[in-house]
């Protein structure tokens, strides 16, 4: 006698966002993990805390994980990801789906958040007829550490003589 049968197979991560090796990500990016089958049962939103939280990060990130449905997990960082930081995300082996199938191996991927950059300088480079009391402005793409910028930013005459000045900040405060 012979008969055919099929087995469930292993639980797998089929897609992640951000994509592996992404860079210049916004610190408020929500991380999404999609599995090939249901990992959690349908349940009330009030029971989210009882469901597995399968995602970890190096360096560690505080945040809130939630299941969008039975096979899609979302992680929202509490204070955002740190800027200019390389992260490694991991779904640990051993996670089981609703039928008992197991994630056989760790699923890991890496991404990087946005690095500081200067968006605009005023007056523009090579400007002529700039007054001695005109404000010099530098606009960054993200909140900056004030002490660091002030320690590294300098102004000099065409002859290389330092020019004294004071700093005034506007916009968002520096990150924690």
Protein backbone atom coordinates (compact mmCIF):
# COMPACT_ATOMS: atom_id res chain seq x y z
CA UNK A 1 0.00 0.00 0.00
CA UNK A 2 1.20 3.50 -0.72
CA UNK A 3 -0.23 6.93 -0.21
CA UNK A 4 0.80 10.52 -0.81
CA UNK A 5 0.71 13.29 1.76
CA UNK A 6 2.06 16.79 2.17
CA UNK A 7 3.59 18.53 5.13
CA UNK A 8 3.20 22.08 6.24
CA UNK A 9 6.85 23.04 5.69
CA UNK A 10 8.72 25.72 7.58
CA UNK A 11 7.55 29.16 8.56
CA UNK A 12 9.36 31.77 6.47
CA UNK A 13 9.84 35.52 6.34
CA UNK A 14 8.80 36.46 2.81
CA UNK A 15 9.32 40.23 2.86
CA UNK A 16 10.72 42.95 5.10
CA UNK A 17 10.55 46.70 4.94
CA UNK A 18 12.84 48.53 4.93
CA UNK A 19 14.52 46.33 2.36
CA UNK A 20 17.81 44.69 3.31
CA UNK A 21 20.80 47.04 3.00
CA UNK A 22 18.62 50.14 2.68
CA UNK A 23 20.28 53.38 3.69
CA UNK A 24 19.37 57.00 4.36
CA UNK A 25 16.13 55.88 6.05
CA UNK A 26 13.95 58.34 7.91
CA UNK A 27 14.34 57.76 11.67
CA UNK A 28 10.54 57.41 11.95
CA UNK A 29 10.43 54.47 9.54
CA UNK A 30 8.01 51.68 10.54
CA UNK A 31 9.54 48.21 10.16
CA UNK A 32 7.32 45.57 8.56
CA UNK A 33 7.81 41.79 8.55
CA UNK A 34 5.62 39.60 6.32
CA UNK A 35 5.40 35.85 6.94
CA UNK A 36 4.33 33.15 4.48
CA UNK A 37 1.46 32.01 6.71
CA UNK A 38 -0.49 33.07 9.81
CA UNK A 39 1.70 33.34 12.90
CA UNK A 40 -0.94 34.61 15.30
CA UNK A 41 -4.67 33.88 15.53
CA UNK A 42 -7.29 36.49 14.83
CA UNK A 43 -7.81 38.32 18.09
CA UNK A 44 -9.08 41.57 19.54
CA UNK A 45 -6.75 44.58 19.43
CA UNK A 46 -6.85 44.63 23.23
CA UNK A 47 -5.03 41.26 23.23
CA UNK A 48 -2.03 42.43 21.17
CA UNK A 49 0.16 42.34 24.28
CA UNK A 50 -0.36 38.57 24.55
CA UNK A 51 0.96 37.90 21.03
CA UNK A 52 4.61 37.16 20.20
CA UNK A 53 6.90 40.13 19.59
CA UNK A 54 9.33 38.49 17.15
CA UNK A 55 11.59 41.40 16.19
CA UNK A 56 14.78 42.61 17.89
CA UNK A 57 17.40 45.18 16.89
CA UNK A 58 21.11 45.79 17.42
CA UNK A 59 21.56 48.40 18.73
CA UNK A 60 18.38 47.98 20.79
CA UNK A 61 15.34 50.12 19.91
CA UNK A 62 12.41 50.94 22.17
CA UNK A 63 9.09 50.84 20.43
CA UNK A 64 5.73 49.22 19.92
CA UNK A 65 5.14 46.04 17.95
CA UNK A 66 1.73 45.05 16.66
CA UNK A 67 0.23 42.50 14.34
CA UNK A 68 -1.54 44.17 11.41
CA UNK A 69 -3.17 40.83 10.64
CA UNK A 70 -2.29 37.19 11.29
CA UNK A 71 0.90 37.22 9.18
CA UNK A 72 2.13 40.86 9.06
CA UNK A 73 4.02 42.37 11.99
CA UNK A 74 4.72 46.11 12.34
CA UNK A 75 7.26 47.76 14.63
CA UNK A 76 7.09 51.50 15.33
CA UNK A 77 10.11 52.99 17.14
CA UNK A 78 9.11 54.98 20.23
CA UNK A 79 11.51 57.88 19.73
CA UNK A 80 12.55 57.02 16.18
CA UNK A 81 15.70 55.24 15.12
CA UNK A 82 18.93 57.09 15.84
CA UNK A 83 20.22 59.06 12.85
CA UNK A 84 23.44 57.94 11.14
CA UNK A 85 23.18 54.47 12.69
CA UNK A 86 23.65 50.98 11.25
CA UNK A 87 20.95 48.58 12.51
CA UNK A 88 20.69 44.82 12.38
CA UNK A 89 17.13 43.47 12.65
CA UNK A 90 16.38 39.87 13.63
CA UNK A 91 13.44 37.50 13.77
CA UNK A 92 14.70 34.64 15.93
CA UNK A 93 14.50 31.00 14.91
CA UNK A 94 11.91 29.01 16.83
CA UNK A 95 8.94 31.28 16.16
CA UNK A 96 5.95 29.07 15.35
CA UNK A 97 2.89 29.69 13.22
CA UNK A 98 -0.70 28.77 14.08
CA UNK A 99 -0.21 25.18 12.80
CA UNK A 100 3.03 24.59 14.72
CA UNK A 101 5.41 25.07 11.80
CA UNK A 102 8.70 26.60 12.96
CA UNK A 103 10.96 29.35 11.64
CA UNK A 104 14.00 27.12 11.13
CA UNK A 105 16.73 29.81 11.08
CA UNK A 106 17.13 33.36 12.29
CA UNK A 107 16.07 35.86 9.64
CA UNK A 108 18.34 38.91 9.80
CA UNK A 109 18.81 41.99 7.69
CA UNK A 110 20.53 45.34 8.03
CA UNK A 111 19.74 48.96 7.24
CA UNK A 112 21.07 52.45 7.97
CA UNK A 113 19.35 55.65 8.93
CA UNK A 114 19.86 59.06 7.39
CA UNK A 115 23.23 60.76 7.85
CA UNK A 116 23.48 64.48 8.57
CA UNK A 117 23.76 66.67 5.50
CA UNK A 118 23.67 70.36 4.75
CA UNK A 119 20.60 71.28 2.70
CA UNK A 120 21.21 75.00 2.28
CA UNK A 121 23.72 77.71 3.12
CA UNK A 122 22.96 81.40 3.07
CA UNK A 123 24.46 83.51 1.67
CA UNK A 124 25.09 81.15 -1.23
CA UNK A 125 28.61 80.10 -2.16
CA UNK A 126 30.52 82.73 -4.17
CA UNK A 127 28.06 85.48 -3.16
CA UNK A 128 29.36 89.02 -3.57
CA UNK A 129 28.39 92.17 -1.70
CA UNK A 130 27.58 90.36 1.54
CA UNK A 131 27.20 92.86 4.35
CA UNK A 132 29.28 92.63 7.53
CA UNK A 133 26.18 92.16 9.68
CA UNK A 134 24.33 89.73 7.37
CA UNK A 135 23.26 86.49 9.03
CA UNK A 136 25.06 83.37 7.89
CA UNK A 137 22.66 80.43 7.94
CA UNK A 138 23.20 76.69 7.59
CA UNK A 139 20.17 74.40 7.21
CA UNK A 140 20.56 70.69 8.01
CA UNK A 141 18.39 67.75 6.98
CA UNK A 142 17.70 66.75 10.61
CA UNK A 143 18.03 68.02 14.18
CA UNK A 144 21.69 68.42 15.08
CA UNK A 145 23.70 68.30 18.30
CA UNK A 146 24.30 72.00 18.93
CA UNK A 147 27.63 71.65 20.73
CA UNK A 148 29.02 69.40 18.01
CA UNK A 149 28.06 71.77 15.18
CA UNK A 150 29.32 74.84 17.04
CA UNK A 151 32.61 73.08 17.76
CA UNK A 152 33.17 72.14 14.12
CA UNK A 153 31.73 75.12 12.22
CA UNK A 154 34.05 78.04 11.66
CA UNK A 155 34.12 81.20 9.58
CA UNK A 156 37.24 82.85 8.19
CA UNK A 157 38.12 85.77 5.94
CA UNK A 158 39.55 85.21 2.46
CA UNK A 159 42.97 85.67 4.11
CA UNK A 160 42.27 82.86 6.60
CA UNK A 161 41.64 85.05 9.64
CA UNK A 162 38.94 83.70 11.97
CA UNK A 163 35.71 85.71 12.20
CA UNK A 164 33.97 85.87 15.58
CA UNK A 165 30.22 85.38 15.85
CA UNK A 166 27.41 83.94 17.88
CA UNK A 167 25.13 80.99 17.22
CA UNK A 168 21.36 81.10 17.15
CA UNK A 169 19.33 77.96 16.58
CA UNK A 170 15.83 77.65 15.14
CA UNK A 171 13.65 74.70 14.29
CA UNK A 172 13.69 71.36 16.09
CA UNK A 173 15.93 70.84 19.07
CA UNK A 174 18.83 68.42 18.97
CA UNK A 175 18.02 64.71 19.28
CA UNK A 176 18.23 63.09 22.72
